[in-house]
Amino acid sequence: MRNVFMFFLVLCIGCTQSESASDAAVQANELEVTKAQPVDTVALLEEPIVYFPMLDTPSCEAFLRKFGEENKENRIVIETDHGDIHIRLFDDTPLHRANFIYLIKRNYFTPSEFVRVIKGFVIQGGNSEQYTSAERRKLIGSYSIPNEISKSRLHYPGALAMSRHYEDNPDKRSEAYDFYIVEGRKVGQVELSQIQADRDWKYSIAQRDKYLKVGGVPHLDGEHTVFGEVTKGMNVVRALASVPTDEADWPRKTESFNIRLEGEEE
């Protein structure tokens, strides 16, 4: 009789525990339901969906002109381990400005890396071989930009310009992703005179005086589009230009960077 009673007692306790666990589960579910926020399906339908086209050389100019008209930013910041480089993009190179802003808004430069640095010359980046960068280029497209070379935009220290292919490129079109910033070196009268003699290019007195005073890389004038300038952070450019490199001018330590928008200059 005692054994029967004990069995009945254990059975009751088991039922009670089971019911308690079940109640707890129900309460937990009810708690989750009360935490959930109602979905505003109307707002979701009204949210604009942005589609980006796959760009190529024939289509990029019209796209960039329209994009530039709708996106007026011309101030950017390149964030590096050595500090920030503040840059103003020129409004009189609208295709190059629009392209750079477009790449920033597509998160192409978050992150990227400097792939070539030469002291007294330039630091070059953007066309990284990292997997993420290569995959993003596939999504954005392969294209080159019409040159916007100007005799008023020269390769003084701090100049921002785009790289380009020299072979099979008579129009001097710029690459879409590969940019460089000039650190520069001392420039003399003989070099400037030789550049003018070798090309259809003439420096004003003010331009010659500036080169003689601050230096630069004048042999690139007329060959690449300069579309911006460093306004703050030339010490960072010089620090990057001095990092140790291998025989191919590739930094021995990865020099990563991010680029963010700073807004529009008034």
C-alpha atoms as a PDB file:
ATOM      1  CA  MET A   1       0.000   0.000   0.000  1.00  0.00           C
ATOM      2  CA  ARG A   2       2.865   2.308   0.882  1.00  0.00           C
ATOM      3  CA  ASN A   3       4.498   1.581  -2.455  1.00  0.00           C
ATOM      4  CA  VAL A   4       1.329   2.441  -4.312  1.00  0.00           C
ATOM      5  CA  PHE A   5       1.121   5.739  -2.425  1.00  0.00           C
ATOM      6  CA  MET A   6       4.728   6.639  -3.245  1.00  0.00           C
ATOM      7  CA  PHE A   7       4.148   5.860  -6.944  1.00  0.00           C
ATOM      8  CA  PHE A   8       1.072   8.084  -6.922  1.00  0.00           C
ATOM      9  CA  LEU A   9       3.052  10.879  -5.192  1.00  0.00           C
ATOM     10  CA  VAL A  10       5.876  10.715  -7.755  1.00  0.00           C
ATOM     11  CA  LEU A  11       3.350  10.723 -10.585  1.00  0.00           C
ATOM     12  CA  CYS A  12       1.671  13.843  -9.208  1.00  0.00           C
ATOM     13  CA  ILE A  13       5.006  15.647  -8.803  1.00  0.00           C
ATOM     14  CA  GLY A  14       5.955  14.748 -12.379  1.00  0.00           C
ATOM     15  CA  CYS A  15       2.660  16.068 -13.696  1.00  0.00           C
ATOM     16  CA  THR A  16       3.052  19.263 -11.717  1.00  0.00           C
ATOM     17  CA  GLN A  17       6.608  19.804 -13.037  1.00  0.00           C
ATOM     18  CA  SER A  18       5.481  19.090 -16.583  1.00  0.00           C
ATOM     19  CA  GLU A  19       2.606  21.526 -16.292  1.00  0.00           C
ATOM     20  CA  SER A  20       4.938  24.153 -14.813  1.00  0.00           C
ATOM     21  CA  ALA A  21       7.405  23.723 -17.666  1.00  0.00           C
ATOM     22  CA  SER A  22       4.578  23.951 -20.167  1.00  0.00           C
ATOM     23  CA  ASP A  23       3.234  27.100 -18.544  1.00  0.00           C
ATOM     24  CA  ALA A  24       6.737  28.623 -18.589  1.00  0.00           C
ATOM     25  CA  ALA A  25       7.092  27.836 -22.263  1.00  0.00           C
ATOM     26  CA  VAL A  26       3.747  29.454 -23.015  1.00  0.00           C
ATOM     27  CA  GLN A  27       4.704  32.520 -20.997  1.00  0.00           C
ATOM     28  CA  ALA A  28       8.025  32.731 -22.827  1.00  0.00           C
ATOM     29  CA  ASN A  29       6.247  32.570 -26.161  1.00  0.00           C
ATOM     30  CA  GLU A  30       3.784  35.203 -25.048  1.00  0.00           C
ATOM     31  CA  LEU A  31       6.717  37.364 -23.918  1.00  0.00           C
ATOM     32  CA  GLU A  32       8.359  37.066 -27.319  1.00  0.00           C
ATOM     33  CA  VAL A  33       5.121  37.993 -29.028  1.00  0.00           C
ATOM     34  CA  THR A  34       4.694  41.095 -26.915  1.00  0.00           C
ATOM     35  CA  LYS A  35       8.298  42.118 -27.687  1.00  0.00           C
ATOM     36  CA  ALA A  36       7.804  41.934 -31.427  1.00  0.00           C
ATOM     37  CA  GLN A  37       7.108  45.217 -33.183  1.00  0.00           C
ATOM     38  CA  PRO A  38       4.390  45.497 -35.816  1.00  0.00           C
ATOM     39  CA  VAL A  39       5.703  45.651 -39.393  1.00  0.00           C
ATOM     40  CA  ASP A  40       4.703  48.725 -41.356  1.00  0.00           C
ATOM     41  CA  THR A  41       4.163  47.118 -44.752  1.00  0.00           C
ATOM     42  CA  VAL A  42       3.119  50.429 -46.301  1.00  0.00           C
ATOM     43  CA  ALA A  43       6.428  52.045 -45.281  1.00  0.00           C
ATOM     44  CA  LEU A  44       8.331  49.095 -46.729  1.00  0.00           C
ATOM     45  CA  LEU A  45       6.540  49.477 -50.039  1.00  0.00           C
ATOM     46  CA  GLU A  46       7.278  53.213 -50.098  1.00  0.00           C
ATOM     47  CA  GLU A  47      11.019  52.692 -49.374  1.00  0.00           C
ATOM     48  CA  PRO A  48      12.893  53.369 -52.648  1.00  0.00           C
ATOM     49  CA  ILE A  49      14.896  50.513 -54.108  1.00  0.00           C
ATOM     50  CA  VAL A  50      18.148  51.705 -55.683  1.00  0.00           C
ATOM     51  CA  TYR A  51      19.474  49.769 -58.653  1.00  0.00           C
ATOM     52  CA  PHE A  52      23.029  50.373 -59.860  1.00  0.00           C
ATOM     53  CA  PRO A  53      23.869  49.610 -63.473  1.00  0.00           C
ATOM     54  CA  MET A  54      26.919  47.614 -64.513  1.00  0.00           C
ATOM     55  CA  LEU A  55      29.145  50.331 -65.984  1.00  0.00           C
ATOM     56  CA  ASP A  56      31.295  50.006 -69.079  1.00  0.00           C
ATOM     57  CA  THR A  57      33.270  52.540 -71.106  1.00  0.00           C
ATOM     58  CA  PRO A  58      30.452  53.445 -73.569  1.00  0.00           C
ATOM     59  CA  SER A  59      27.862  53.965 -70.818  1.00  0.00           C
ATOM     60  CA  CYS A  60      29.862  55.539 -68.010  1.00  0.00           C
ATOM     61  CA  GLU A  61      29.953  59.156 -69.196  1.00  0.00           C
ATOM     62  CA  ALA A  62      26.174  59.664 -69.323  1.00  0.00           C
ATOM     63  CA  PHE A  63      25.752  57.874 -65.993  1.00  0.00           C
ATOM     64  CA  LEU A  64      28.466  59.901 -64.245  1.00  0.00           C
ATOM     65  CA  ARG A  65      27.124  63.221 -65.565  1.00  0.00           C
ATOM     66  CA  LYS A  66      23.680  62.472 -64.170  1.00  0.00           C
ATOM     67  CA  PHE A  67      25.102  61.114 -60.917  1.00  0.00           C
ATOM     68  CA  GLY A  68      27.265  64.203 -60.509  1.00  0.00           C
ATOM     69  CA  GLU A  69      24.290  66.503 -60.948  1.00  0.00           C
ATOM     70  CA  GLU A  70      22.443  64.677 -58.165  1.00  0.00           C
ATOM     71  CA  ASN A  71      25.427  64.238 -55.800  1.00  0.00           C
ATOM     72  CA  LYS A  72      27.286  67.489 -55.195  1.00  0.00           C
ATOM     73  CA  GLU A  73      29.786  66.415 -52.515  1.00  0.00           C
ATOM     74  CA  ASN A  74      33.356  67.555 -53.109  1.00  0.00           C
ATOM     75  CA  ARG A  75      35.069  67.065 -49.739  1.00  0.00           C
ATOM     76  CA  ILE A  76      36.454  63.674 -48.712  1.00  0.00           C
ATOM     77  CA  VAL A  77      38.711  62.228 -46.020  1.00  0.00           C
ATOM     78  CA  ILE A  78      41.151  59.347 -46.510  1.00  0.00           C
ATOM     79  CA  GLU A  79      41.603  57.619 -43.147  1.00  0.00           C
ATOM     80  CA  THR A  80      44.945  55.826 -42.685  1.00  0.00           C
ATOM     81  CA  ASP A  81      46.986  54.392 -39.805  1.00  0.00           C
ATOM     82  CA  HIS A  82      49.231  57.452 -40.100  1.00  0.00           C
ATOM     83  CA  GLY A  83      46.396  59.978 -39.841  1.00  0.00           C
ATOM     84  CA  ASP A  84      43.743  61.568 -42.038  1.00  0.00           C
ATOM     85  CA  ILE A  85      44.197  63.183 -45.454  1.00  0.00           C
ATOM     86  CA  HIS A  86      41.569  65.831 -46.224  1.00  0.00           C
ATOM     87  CA  ILE A  87      40.905  66.439 -49.926  1.00  0.00           C
ATOM     88  CA  ARG A  88      38.871  68.867 -52.013  1.00  0.00           C
ATOM     89  CA  LEU A  89      37.607  67.555 -55.353  1.00  0.00           C
ATOM     90  CA  PHE A  90      37.477  70.033 -58.241  1.00  0.00           C
ATOM     91  CA  ASP A  91      34.083  70.922 -59.693  1.00  0.00           C
ATOM     92  CA  ASP A  92      35.682  71.647 -63.093  1.00  0.00           C
ATOM     93  CA  THR A  93      36.517  67.942 -63.477  1.00  0.00           C
ATOM     94  CA  PRO A  94      32.897  66.766 -63.091  1.00  0.00           C
ATOM     95  CA  LEU A  95      33.282  63.210 -64.420  1.00  0.00           C
ATOM     96  CA  HIS A  96      36.234  62.394 -62.175  1.00  0.00           C
ATOM     97  CA  ARG A  97      34.588  64.008 -59.140  1.00  0.00           C
ATOM     98  CA  ALA A  98      31.354  62.097 -59.770  1.00  0.00           C
ATOM     99  CA  ASN A  99      33.205  58.827 -60.277  1.00  0.00           C
ATOM    100  CA  PHE A 100      35.094  59.164 -56.993  1.00  0.00           C
ATOM    101  CA  ILE A 101      31.947  60.073 -55.067  1.00  0.00           C
ATOM    102  CA  TYR A 102      30.120  57.170 -56.714  1.00  0.00           C
ATOM    103  CA  LEU A 103      32.807  54.689 -55.664  1.00  0.00           C
ATOM    104  CA  ILE A 104      32.730  56.024 -52.102  1.00  0.00           C
ATOM    105  CA  LYS A 105      28.944  55.633 -51.948  1.00  0.00           C
ATOM    106  CA  ARG A 106      29.269  52.101 -53.323  1.00  0.00           C
ATOM    107  CA  ASN A 107      31.651  51.407 -50.387  1.00  0.00           C
ATOM    108  CA  TYR A 108      34.422  50.514 -52.786  1.00  0.00           C
ATOM    109  CA  PHE A 109      37.106  52.162 -50.639  1.00  0.00           C
ATOM    110  CA  THR A 110      36.018  50.597 -47.323  1.00  0.00           C
ATOM    111  CA  PRO A 111      38.603  49.298 -47.057  1.00  0.00           C
ATOM    112  CA  SER A 112      41.252  49.468 -49.752  1.00  0.00           C
ATOM    113  CA  GLU A 113      45.052  49.727 -49.712  1.00  0.00           C
ATOM    114  CA  PHE A 114      47.970  51.657 -51.133  1.00  0.00           C
ATOM    115  CA  VAL A 115      49.636  49.461 -53.730  1.00  0.00           C
ATOM    116  CA  ARG A 116      52.587  51.637 -54.769  1.00  0.00           C
ATOM    117  CA  VAL A 117      54.586  54.265 -52.880  1.00  0.00           C
ATOM    118  CA  ILE A 118      57.665  56.084 -54.155  1.00  0.00           C
ATOM    119  CA  LYS A 119      59.368  58.671 -51.988  1.00  0.00           C
ATOM    120  CA  GLY A 120      59.616  62.007 -53.758  1.00  0.00           C
ATOM    121  CA  PHE A 121      57.013  60.917 -56.279  1.00  0.00           C
ATOM    122  CA  VAL A 122      53.521  59.596 -55.402  1.00  0.00           C
ATOM    123  CA  ILE A 123      51.456  57.293 -53.220  1.00  0.00           C
ATOM    124  CA  GLN A 124      49.064  55.201 -55.303  1.00  0.00           C
ATOM    125  CA  GLY A 125      46.018  53.169 -54.280  1.00  0.00           C
ATOM    126  CA  GLY A 126      42.515  51.967 -55.035  1.00  0.00           C
ATOM    127  CA  ASN A 127      43.238  49.171 -57.486  1.00  0.00           C
ATOM    128  CA  SER A 128      43.831  46.649 -54.725  1.00  0.00           C
ATOM    129  CA  GLU A 129      44.260  42.937 -55.426  1.00  0.00           C
ATOM    130  CA  GLN A 130      42.415  42.064 -52.218  1.00  0.00           C
ATOM    131  CA  TYR A 131      39.510  39.687 -52.749  1.00  0.00           C
ATOM    132  CA  THR A 132      36.874  42.153 -51.534  1.00  0.00           C
ATOM    133  CA  SER A 133      38.083  44.926 -53.847  1.00  0.00           C
ATOM    134  CA  ALA A 134      38.261  42.594 -56.838  1.00  0.00           C
ATOM    135  CA  GLU A 135      34.718  41.349 -56.228  1.00  0.00           C
ATOM    136  CA  ARG A 136      33.397  44.891 -55.890  1.00  0.00           C
ATOM    137  CA  ARG A 137      34.985  45.851 -59.200  1.00  0.00           C
ATOM    138  CA  LYS A 138      33.107  42.972 -60.813  1.00  0.00           C
ATOM    139  CA  LEU A 139      29.833  44.360 -59.441  1.00  0.00           C
ATOM    140  CA  ILE A 140      30.507  47.995 -60.393  1.00  0.00           C
ATOM    141  CA  GLY A 141      31.961  47.335 -63.837  1.00  0.00           C
ATOM    142  CA  SER A 142      35.075  47.719 -65.948  1.00  0.00           C
ATOM    143  CA  TYR A 143      35.375  51.135 -67.597  1.00  0.00           C
ATOM    144  CA  SER A 144      37.602  54.132 -68.258  1.00  0.00           C
ATOM    145  CA  ILE A 145      36.744  57.826 -67.932  1.00  0.00           C
ATOM    146  CA  PRO A 146      37.210  60.557 -70.574  1.00  0.00           C
ATOM    147  CA  ASN A 147      40.207  62.707 -69.669  1.00  0.00           C
ATOM    148  CA  GLU A 148      39.570  66.122 -68.128  1.00  0.00           C
ATOM    149  CA  ILE A 149      43.171  67.314 -68.367  1.00  0.00           C
ATOM    150  CA  SER A 150      43.529  71.022 -67.762  1.00  0.00           C
ATOM    151  CA  LYS A 151      46.527  73.366 -67.993  1.00  0.00           C
ATOM    152  CA  SER A 152      45.335  74.984 -64.780  1.00  0.00           C
ATOM    153  CA  ARG A 153      45.439  71.706 -62.784  1.00  0.00           C
ATOM    154  CA  LEU A 154      49.066  70.721 -62.279  1.00  0.00           C
ATOM    155  CA  HIS A 155      51.030  68.101 -60.352  1.00  0.00           C
ATOM    156  CA  TYR A 156      52.076  70.130 -57.335  1.00  0.00           C
ATOM    157  CA  PRO A 157      52.502  68.354 -53.973  1.00  0.00           C
ATOM    158  CA  GLY A 158      49.088  67.197 -52.779  1.00  0.00           C
ATOM    159  CA  ALA A 159      47.564  66.871 -56.249  1.00  0.00           C
ATOM    160  CA  LEU A 160      45.039  64.026 -56.576  1.00  0.00           C
ATOM    161  CA  ALA A 161      44.928  62.380 -60.007  1.00  0.00           C
ATOM    162  CA  MET A 162      43.876  59.176 -61.741  1.00  0.00           C
ATOM    163  CA  SER A 163      46.210  56.613 -63.273  1.00  0.00           C
ATOM    164  CA  ARG A 164      45.816  55.479 -66.870  1.00  0.00           C
ATOM    165  CA  HIS A 165      47.138  53.016 -69.427  1.00  0.00           C
ATOM    166  CA  TYR A 166      49.732  54.438 -71.797  1.00  0.00           C
ATOM    167  CA  GLU A 167      49.377  51.786 -74.509  1.00  0.00           C
ATOM    168  CA  ASP A 168      46.371  51.824 -76.846  1.00  0.00           C
ATOM    169  CA  ASN A 169      44.980  54.885 -75.095  1.00  0.00           C
ATOM    170  CA  PRO A 170      45.416  57.870 -77.450  1.00  0.00           C
ATOM    171  CA  ASP A 171      42.658  59.825 -75.691  1.00  0.00           C
ATOM    172  CA  LYS A 172      44.399  59.523 -72.311  1.00  0.00           C
ATOM    173  CA  ARG A 173      41.307  58.100 -70.637  1.00  0.00           C
ATOM    174  CA  SER A 174      41.594  57.567 -66.880  1.00  0.00           C
ATOM    175  CA  GLU A 175      41.242  54.290 -65.068  1.00  0.00           C
ATOM    176  CA  ALA A 176      38.162  54.178 -62.853  1.00  0.00           C
ATOM    177  CA  TYR A 177      39.652  52.883 -59.589  1.00  0.00           C
ATOM    178  CA  ASP A 178      43.371  53.646 -59.492  1.00  0.00           C
ATOM    179  CA  PHE A 179      44.313  57.062 -58.048  1.00  0.00           C
ATOM    180  CA  TYR A 180      47.477  58.693 -56.768  1.00  0.00           C
ATOM    181  CA  ILE A 181      48.500  61.637 -54.593  1.00  0.00           C
ATOM    182  CA  VAL A 182      51.654  63.591 -55.350  1.00  0.00           C
ATOM    183  CA  GLU A 183      54.344  63.934 -52.699  1.00  0.00           C
ATOM    184  CA  GLY A 184      56.717  65.565 -55.166  1.00  0.00           C
ATOM    185  CA  ARG A 185      60.384  66.582 -55.303  1.00  0.00           C
ATOM    186  CA  LYS A 186      62.475  69.635 -56.077  1.00  0.00           C
ATOM    187  CA  VAL A 187      61.980  71.031 -59.606  1.00  0.00           C
ATOM    188  CA  GLY A 188      64.406  73.187 -61.593  1.00  0.00           C
ATOM    189  CA  GLN A 189      64.241  75.649 -64.498  1.00  0.00           C
ATOM    190  CA  VAL A 190      65.921  73.212 -66.908  1.00  0.00           C
ATOM    191  CA  GLU A 191      63.319  70.501 -66.322  1.00  0.00           C
ATOM    192  CA  LEU A 192      60.412  72.888 -66.830  1.00  0.00           C
ATOM    193  CA  SER A 193      61.958  74.291 -69.996  1.00  0.00           C
ATOM    194  CA  GLN A 194      62.537  70.772 -71.356  1.00  0.00           C
ATOM    195  CA  ILE A 195      58.924  69.772 -70.684  1.00  0.00           C
ATOM    196  CA  GLN A 196      57.687  72.805 -72.611  1.00  0.00           C
ATOM    197  CA  ALA A 197      60.076  72.099 -75.487  1.00  0.00           C
ATOM    198  CA  ASP A 198      59.056  68.431 -75.751  1.00  0.00           C
ATOM    199  CA  ARG A 199      55.280  69.027 -75.672  1.00  0.00           C
ATOM    200  CA  ASP A 200      52.591  71.439 -76.642  1.00  0.00           C
ATOM    201  CA  TRP A 201      52.545  72.794 -73.112  1.00  0.00           C
ATOM    202  CA  LYS A 202      53.416  76.202 -71.713  1.00  0.00           C
ATOM    203  CA  TYR A 203      53.615  77.194 -68.063  1.00  0.00           C
ATOM    204  CA  SER A 204      52.629  80.625 -66.896  1.00  0.00           C
ATOM    205  CA  ILE A 205      55.119  82.637 -64.869  1.00  0.00           C
ATOM    206  CA  ALA A 206      53.084  81.938 -61.734  1.00  0.00           C
ATOM    207  CA  GLN A 207      53.039  78.189 -62.434  1.00  0.00           C
ATOM    208  CA  ARG A 208      56.810  78.095 -63.021  1.00  0.00           C
ATOM    209  CA  ASP A 209      57.424  80.053 -59.834  1.00  0.00           C
ATOM    210  CA  LYS A 210      55.226  77.699 -57.831  1.00  0.00           C
ATOM    211  CA  TYR A 211      57.007  74.614 -59.157  1.00  0.00           C
ATOM    212  CA  LEU A 212      60.376  76.191 -58.334  1.00  0.00           C
ATOM    213  CA  LYS A 213      59.144  77.005 -54.830  1.00  0.00           C
ATOM    214  CA  VAL A 214      57.191  73.877 -53.778  1.00  0.00           C
ATOM    215  CA  GLY A 215      58.292  71.206 -56.289  1.00  0.00           C
ATOM    216  CA  GLY A 216      56.085  68.426 -57.640  1.00  0.00           C
ATOM    217  CA  VAL A 217      56.166  66.049 -60.630  1.00  0.00           C
ATOM    218  CA  PRO A 218      55.666  68.275 -63.708  1.00  0.00           C
ATOM    219  CA  HIS A 219      56.478  65.536 -66.241  1.00  0.00           C
ATOM    220  CA  LEU A 220      52.983  64.129 -65.516  1.00  0.00           C
ATOM    221  CA  ASP A 221      51.282  67.388 -66.551  1.00  0.00           C
ATOM    222  CA  GLY A 222      49.193  66.891 -69.655  1.00  0.00           C
ATOM    223  CA  GLU A 223      49.275  63.121 -69.226  1.00  0.00           C
ATOM    224  CA  HIS A 224      46.874  62.544 -66.321  1.00  0.00           C
ATOM    225  CA  THR A 225      43.736  64.260 -65.036  1.00  0.00           C
ATOM    226  CA  VAL A 226      44.285  66.111 -61.756  1.00  0.00           C
ATOM    227  CA  PHE A 227      40.869  66.308 -60.096  1.00  0.00           C
ATOM    228  CA  GLY A 228      41.535  67.281 -56.487  1.00  0.00           C
ATOM    229  CA  GLU A 229      44.052  68.534 -53.933  1.00  0.00           C
ATOM    230  CA  VAL A 230      45.040  67.853 -50.344  1.00  0.00           C
ATOM    231  CA  THR A 231      43.835  70.620 -48.031  1.00  0.00           C
ATOM    232  CA  LYS A 232      45.122  69.073 -44.807  1.00  0.00           C
ATOM    233  CA  GLY A 233      47.341  66.085 -44.063  1.00  0.00           C
ATOM    234  CA  MET A 234      50.403  66.429 -46.328  1.00  0.00           C
ATOM    235  CA  ASN A 235      52.437  65.134 -43.384  1.00  0.00           C
ATOM    236  CA  VAL A 236      50.451  61.889 -43.725  1.00  0.00           C
ATOM    237  CA  VAL A 237      51.213  61.745 -47.462  1.00  0.00           C
ATOM    238  CA  ARG A 238      54.925  62.161 -46.706  1.00  0.00           C
ATOM    239  CA  ALA A 239      54.788  59.492 -44.002  1.00  0.00           C
ATOM    240  CA  LEU A 240      53.157  57.020 -46.389  1.00  0.00           C
ATOM    241  CA  ALA A 241      55.649  57.848 -49.146  1.00  0.00           C
ATOM    242  CA  SER A 242      58.466  56.914 -46.745  1.00  0.00           C
ATOM    243  CA  VAL A 243      57.272  53.452 -45.670  1.00  0.00           C
ATOM    244  CA  PRO A 244      59.536  50.486 -46.521  1.00  0.00           C
ATOM    245  CA  THR A 245      58.745  48.850 -49.870  1.00  0.00           C
ATOM    246  CA  ASP A 246      59.827  45.850 -51.921  1.00  0.00           C
ATOM    247  CA  GLU A 247      61.503  45.980 -55.331  1.00  0.00           C
ATOM    248  CA  ALA A 248      58.097  46.605 -56.969  1.00  0.00           C
ATOM    249  CA  ASP A 249      57.417  49.685 -54.739  1.00  0.00           C
ATOM    250  CA  TRP A 250      54.718  47.715 -52.880  1.00  0.00           C
ATOM    251  CA  PRO A 251      54.588  48.534 -49.141  1.00  0.00           C
ATOM    252  CA  ARG A 252      56.103  45.657 -47.128  1.00  0.00           C
ATOM    253  CA  LYS A 253      53.426  46.201 -44.503  1.00  0.00           C
ATOM    254  CA  THR A 254      49.846  46.493 -45.766  1.00  0.00           C
ATOM    255  CA  GLU A 255      48.852  50.166 -45.747  1.00  0.00           C
ATOM    256  CA  SER A 256      45.062  50.086 -45.629  1.00  0.00           C
ATOM    257  CA  PHE A 257      42.735  53.049 -45.824  1.00  0.00           C
ATOM    258  CA  ASN A 258      39.065  54.016 -45.816  1.00  0.00           C
ATOM    259  CA  ILE A 259      37.521  56.976 -47.604  1.00  0.00           C
ATOM    260  CA  ARG A 260      34.520  58.846 -46.247  1.00  0.00           C
ATOM    261  CA  LEU A 261      32.565  61.849 -47.458  1.00  0.00           C
ATOM    262  CA  GLU A 262      32.981  65.112 -45.597  1.00  0.00           C
ATOM    263  CA  GLY A 263      30.279  67.011 -47.474  1.00  0.00           C
ATOM    264  CA  GLU A 264      30.059  69.861 -49.936  1.00  0.00           C
ATOM    265  CA  GLU A 265      32.160  72.992 -49.869  1.00  0.00           C
ATOM    266  CA  GLU A 266      30.030  76.097 -49.800  1.00  0.00           C
END
